[in-house]
Amino acid sequence: MRHKSFLFLQTRAPLDAGPEAFDLALTAAAFDHDVRLVLADEGVQWLRSGLPELVEEAIDQIAVEQESLAERGMAAPSGIDLVAREELAVLLAGSDVVVTA
């Protein structure tokens, strides 16, 4: 089976989405697919509450949209990549599977 690249775009806050929002990303990672997680819009609130530890361990790359952070007066913690809105469009186009939550 060919490995696919998955991009999970989390746009919902923890109170709206809950940790089960990451179940599909974890499943894809368990099957050794390339998995990226991008936090955008209200999804950046996960940085305040903290991403589930299992997500941090299983996902290949975690990034946050810098404009979403700036709009909310937040800064990215170390170890999290910043992605500009224009770059996000390129990432979306280059992924085999895109899931928005």
N, C-alpha and C. Protein backbone atom coordinates (compact mmCIF):
# COMPACT_ATOMS: atom_id res chain seq x y z
N MET A 1 0.85 -1.18 0.00
CA MET A 1 0.00 0.00 0.00
C MET A 1 0.89 1.24 0.00
N ARG A 2 0.57 2.18 -0.86
CA ARG A 2 1.33 3.43 -0.95
C ARG A 2 0.98 4.32 0.24
N HIS A 3 2.01 4.87 0.83
CA HIS A 3 1.80 5.78 1.95
C HIS A 3 1.35 7.13 1.43
N LYS A 4 0.38 7.70 2.07
CA LYS A 4 -0.16 8.99 1.65
C LYS A 4 0.25 10.07 2.63
N SER A 5 0.19 11.30 2.13
CA SER A 5 0.43 12.43 3.01
C SER A 5 -0.91 13.01 3.45
N PHE A 6 -1.09 13.09 4.74
CA PHE A 6 -2.32 13.62 5.33
C PHE A 6 -2.03 14.97 5.95
N LEU A 7 -2.93 15.91 5.76
CA LEU A 7 -2.85 17.19 6.44
C LEU A 7 -4.16 17.37 7.20
N PHE A 8 -4.05 17.50 8.49
CA PHE A 8 -5.21 17.73 9.35
C PHE A 8 -5.20 19.18 9.76
N LEU A 9 -6.23 19.90 9.37
CA LEU A 9 -6.36 21.32 9.66
C LEU A 9 -7.36 21.46 10.80
N GLN A 10 -6.85 21.74 11.99
CA GLN A 10 -7.71 21.88 13.17
C GLN A 10 -8.07 23.34 13.34
N THR A 11 -9.35 23.66 13.11
CA THR A 11 -9.80 25.05 13.19
C THR A 11 -10.74 25.28 14.37
N ARG A 12 -11.00 24.24 15.15
CA ARG A 12 -11.94 24.36 16.26
C ARG A 12 -11.20 24.34 17.60
N ALA A 13 -11.72 25.12 18.53
CA ALA A 13 -11.14 25.21 19.88
C ALA A 13 -11.37 23.91 20.64
N PRO A 14 -10.58 23.68 21.69
CA PRO A 14 -10.72 22.45 22.47
C PRO A 14 -12.14 22.21 23.01
N LEU A 15 -12.80 23.26 23.46
CA LEU A 15 -14.15 23.08 24.00
C LEU A 15 -15.15 22.65 22.92
N ASP A 16 -14.90 23.04 21.69
CA ASP A 16 -15.80 22.67 20.59
C ASP A 16 -15.46 21.31 20.00
N ALA A 17 -14.19 20.95 20.02
CA ALA A 17 -13.77 19.75 19.31
C ALA A 17 -13.49 18.57 20.24
N GLY A 18 -12.83 18.82 21.35
CA GLY A 18 -12.44 17.74 22.24
C GLY A 18 -11.30 16.92 21.68
N PRO A 19 -10.66 16.12 22.51
CA PRO A 19 -9.49 15.35 22.06
C PRO A 19 -9.81 14.34 20.97
N GLU A 20 -11.06 13.91 20.85
CA GLU A 20 -11.41 12.95 19.79
C GLU A 20 -11.25 13.55 18.40
N ALA A 21 -11.07 14.86 18.32
CA ALA A 21 -10.83 15.51 17.04
C ALA A 21 -9.56 15.00 16.39
N PHE A 22 -8.67 14.43 17.17
CA PHE A 22 -7.39 13.95 16.65
C PHE A 22 -7.38 12.45 16.34
N ASP A 23 -8.49 11.77 16.57
CA ASP A 23 -8.53 10.31 16.38
C ASP A 23 -8.13 9.88 14.98
N LEU A 24 -8.64 10.56 13.97
CA LEU A 24 -8.32 10.19 12.59
C LEU A 24 -6.84 10.43 12.28
N ALA A 25 -6.29 11.51 12.81
CA ALA A 25 -4.86 11.79 12.61
C ALA A 25 -4.01 10.70 13.26
N LEU A 26 -4.39 10.27 14.45
CA LEU A 26 -3.65 9.22 15.13
C LEU A 26 -3.77 7.89 14.39
N THR A 27 -4.93 7.62 13.83
CA THR A 27 -5.11 6.39 13.05
C THR A 27 -4.22 6.40 11.81
N ALA A 28 -4.19 7.52 11.11
CA ALA A 28 -3.33 7.62 9.92
C ALA A 28 -1.86 7.44 10.31
N ALA A 29 -1.45 8.03 11.43
CA ALA A 29 -0.07 7.92 11.88
C ALA A 29 0.26 6.47 12.26
N ALA A 30 -0.71 5.76 12.81
CA ALA A 30 -0.49 4.36 13.20
C ALA A 30 -0.20 3.48 11.99
N PHE A 31 -0.70 3.88 10.82
CA PHE A 31 -0.45 3.14 9.59
C PHE A 31 0.73 3.70 8.81
N ASP A 32 1.58 4.44 9.50
CA ASP A 32 2.82 4.99 8.95
C ASP A 32 2.65 5.93 7.77
N HIS A 33 1.51 6.60 7.71
CA HIS A 33 1.35 7.64 6.70
C HIS A 33 2.06 8.90 7.20
N ASP A 34 2.41 9.79 6.28
CA ASP A 34 2.99 11.08 6.65
C ASP A 34 1.85 11.98 7.12
N VAL A 35 1.92 12.39 8.37
CA VAL A 35 0.82 13.14 8.97
C VAL A 35 1.32 14.49 9.45
N ARG A 36 0.63 15.54 9.01
CA ARG A 36 0.88 16.91 9.47
C ARG A 36 -0.38 17.43 10.13
N LEU A 37 -0.18 18.20 11.17
CA LEU A 37 -1.28 18.86 11.85
C LEU A 37 -1.02 20.35 11.81
N VAL A 38 -2.00 21.11 11.34
CA VAL A 38 -1.88 22.57 11.34
C VAL A 38 -3.04 23.12 12.17
N LEU A 39 -2.70 23.95 13.13
CA LEU A 39 -3.69 24.63 13.96
C LEU A 39 -3.94 26.01 13.36
N ALA A 40 -5.20 26.33 13.11
CA ALA A 40 -5.55 27.63 12.52
C ALA A 40 -6.87 28.10 13.12
N ASP A 41 -7.17 29.35 12.92
CA ASP A 41 -8.38 29.96 13.45
C ASP A 41 -8.48 29.65 14.95
N GLU A 42 -9.62 29.20 15.44
CA GLU A 42 -9.78 28.90 16.87
C GLU A 42 -8.99 27.67 17.29
N GLY A 43 -8.50 26.90 16.33
CA GLY A 43 -7.68 25.74 16.65
C GLY A 43 -6.39 26.08 17.36
N VAL A 44 -5.93 27.34 17.24
CA VAL A 44 -4.71 27.73 17.95
C VAL A 44 -4.90 27.71 19.47
N GLN A 45 -6.15 27.70 19.92
CA GLN A 45 -6.43 27.64 21.36
C GLN A 45 -5.92 26.34 21.98
N TRP A 46 -5.68 25.31 21.14
CA TRP A 46 -5.09 24.07 21.65
C TRP A 46 -3.73 24.33 22.27
N LEU A 47 -3.05 25.37 21.85
CA LEU A 47 -1.74 25.69 22.42
C LEU A 47 -1.88 26.15 23.87
N ARG A 48 -3.00 26.77 24.21
CA ARG A 48 -3.24 27.22 25.59
C ARG A 48 -3.59 26.05 26.49
N SER A 49 -4.45 25.16 25.99
CA SER A 49 -4.87 24.03 26.83
C SER A 49 -3.88 22.88 26.76
N GLY A 50 -3.08 22.86 25.70
CA GLY A 50 -2.10 21.79 25.52
C GLY A 50 -2.63 20.68 24.64
N LEU A 51 -1.86 20.33 23.64
CA LEU A 51 -2.23 19.21 22.78
C LEU A 51 -2.10 17.92 23.58
N PRO A 52 -2.97 16.94 23.31
CA PRO A 52 -2.79 15.66 23.98
C PRO A 52 -1.39 15.10 23.70
N GLU A 53 -0.76 14.53 24.72
CA GLU A 53 0.60 14.04 24.60
C GLU A 53 0.75 13.03 23.48
N LEU A 54 -0.22 12.16 23.33
CA LEU A 54 -0.18 11.16 22.27
C LEU A 54 -0.12 11.80 20.89
N VAL A 55 -0.83 12.91 20.72
CA VAL A 55 -0.80 13.63 19.44
C VAL A 55 0.60 14.16 19.19
N GLU A 56 1.20 14.78 20.19
CA GLU A 56 2.55 15.33 20.03
C GLU A 56 3.56 14.25 19.67
N GLU A 57 3.38 13.05 20.21
CA GLU A 57 4.32 11.97 19.95
C GLU A 57 4.10 11.31 18.59
N ALA A 58 2.86 11.24 18.13
CA ALA A 58 2.54 10.46 16.93
C ALA A 58 2.60 11.25 15.62
N ILE A 59 2.36 12.54 15.68
CA ILE A 59 2.27 13.35 14.46
C ILE A 59 3.66 13.76 13.99
N ASP A 60 3.90 13.63 12.68
CA ASP A 60 5.21 13.94 12.11
C ASP A 60 5.56 15.42 12.23
N GLN A 61 4.61 16.30 11.94
CA GLN A 61 4.88 17.73 11.98
C GLN A 61 3.65 18.45 12.52
N ILE A 62 3.87 19.33 13.48
CA ILE A 62 2.81 20.16 14.03
C ILE A 62 3.18 21.61 13.74
N ALA A 63 2.25 22.32 13.14
CA ALA A 63 2.49 23.72 12.78
C ALA A 63 1.27 24.55 13.18
N VAL A 64 1.48 25.84 13.24
CA VAL A 64 0.40 26.75 13.57
C VAL A 64 0.43 27.91 12.59
N GLU A 65 -0.74 28.35 12.17
CA GLU A 65 -0.82 29.47 11.24
C GLU A 65 -0.51 30.76 12.00
N GLN A 66 0.53 31.45 11.57
CA GLN A 66 1.00 32.61 12.32
C GLN A 66 -0.01 33.74 12.37
N GLU A 67 -0.81 33.92 11.32
CA GLU A 67 -1.81 34.98 11.35
C GLU A 67 -2.89 34.71 12.41
N SER A 68 -3.26 33.44 12.57
CA SER A 68 -4.25 33.08 13.60
C SER A 68 -3.71 33.38 14.99
N LEU A 69 -2.42 33.11 15.20
CA LEU A 69 -1.81 33.44 16.48
C LEU A 69 -1.82 34.94 16.72
N ALA A 70 -1.40 35.69 15.72
CA ALA A 70 -1.32 37.14 15.85
C ALA A 70 -2.70 37.75 16.13
N GLU A 71 -3.72 37.25 15.46
CA GLU A 71 -5.08 37.76 15.66
C GLU A 71 -5.56 37.55 17.08
N ARG A 72 -5.01 36.56 17.77
CA ARG A 72 -5.42 36.24 19.14
C ARG A 72 -4.39 36.66 20.17
N GLY A 73 -3.36 37.38 19.74
CA GLY A 73 -2.34 37.86 20.66
C GLY A 73 -1.52 36.76 21.31
N MET A 74 -1.33 35.68 20.58
CA MET A 74 -0.60 34.53 21.12
C MET A 74 0.76 34.39 20.43
N ALA A 75 1.65 33.67 21.09
CA ALA A 75 2.95 33.35 20.51
C ALA A 75 3.08 31.83 20.44
N ALA A 76 3.82 31.36 19.48
CA ALA A 76 4.02 29.91 19.32
C ALA A 76 5.05 29.42 20.32
N PRO A 77 4.76 28.30 20.96
CA PRO A 77 5.78 27.72 21.85
C PRO A 77 6.92 27.13 21.03
N SER A 78 8.03 26.87 21.68
CA SER A 78 9.15 26.28 20.97
C SER A 78 8.77 24.88 20.50
N GLY A 79 9.33 24.49 19.37
CA GLY A 79 9.06 23.18 18.82
C GLY A 79 7.86 23.13 17.89
N ILE A 80 7.14 24.23 17.76
CA ILE A 80 5.99 24.31 16.86
C ILE A 80 6.39 25.18 15.67
N ASP A 81 6.20 24.67 14.47
CA ASP A 81 6.52 25.43 13.26
C ASP A 81 5.44 26.47 13.00
N LEU A 82 5.87 27.61 12.48
CA LEU A 82 4.93 28.66 12.04
C LEU A 82 4.73 28.55 10.55
N VAL A 83 3.48 28.73 10.12
CA VAL A 83 3.14 28.66 8.70
C VAL A 83 2.33 29.91 8.36
N ALA A 84 2.74 30.62 7.34
CA ALA A 84 1.97 31.78 6.87
C ALA A 84 0.75 31.29 6.10
N ARG A 85 -0.28 32.12 6.04
CA ARG A 85 -1.51 31.75 5.34
C ARG A 85 -1.25 31.33 3.89
N GLU A 86 -0.34 32.04 3.22
CA GLU A 86 -0.03 31.69 1.83
C GLU A 86 0.63 30.30 1.75
N GLU A 87 1.48 30.00 2.72
CA GLU A 87 2.15 28.70 2.75
C GLU A 87 1.15 27.57 3.02
N LEU A 88 0.13 27.87 3.81
CA LEU A 88 -0.88 26.87 4.13
C LEU A 88 -1.58 26.40 2.86
N ALA A 89 -1.86 27.31 1.95
CA ALA A 89 -2.49 26.93 0.69
C ALA A 89 -1.61 25.95 -0.09
N VAL A 90 -0.31 26.15 -0.06
CA VAL A 90 0.62 25.25 -0.74
C VAL A 90 0.63 23.88 -0.07
N LEU A 91 0.63 23.87 1.26
CA LEU A 91 0.59 22.60 2.00
C LEU A 91 -0.69 21.82 1.70
N LEU A 92 -1.80 22.53 1.67
CA LEU A 92 -3.08 21.89 1.36
C LEU A 92 -3.06 21.26 -0.03
N ALA A 93 -2.56 22.01 -1.00
CA ALA A 93 -2.51 21.51 -2.38
C ALA A 93 -1.56 20.34 -2.54
N GLY A 94 -0.53 20.27 -1.73
CA GLY A 94 0.48 19.22 -1.86
C GLY A 94 0.19 17.96 -1.06
N SER A 95 -0.93 17.93 -0.36
CA SER A 95 -1.28 16.77 0.46
C SER A 95 -2.23 15.86 -0.30
N ASP A 96 -2.06 14.54 -0.10
CA ASP A 96 -2.96 13.58 -0.73
C ASP A 96 -4.35 13.64 -0.12
N VAL A 97 -4.40 13.81 1.20
CA VAL A 97 -5.67 13.83 1.93
C VAL A 97 -5.68 15.03 2.87
N VAL A 98 -6.75 15.81 2.85
CA VAL A 98 -6.91 16.95 3.74
C VAL A 98 -8.18 16.74 4.56
N VAL A 99 -8.05 16.87 5.87
CA VAL A 99 -9.19 16.74 6.76
C VAL A 99 -9.26 18.01 7.60
N THR A 100 -10.42 18.64 7.60
CA THR A 100 -10.63 19.85 8.39
C THR A 100 -11.59 19.54 9.52
N ALA A 101 -11.21 19.97 10.70
CA ALA A 101 -12.08 19.76 11.87
C ALA A 101 -12.23 21.05 12.63
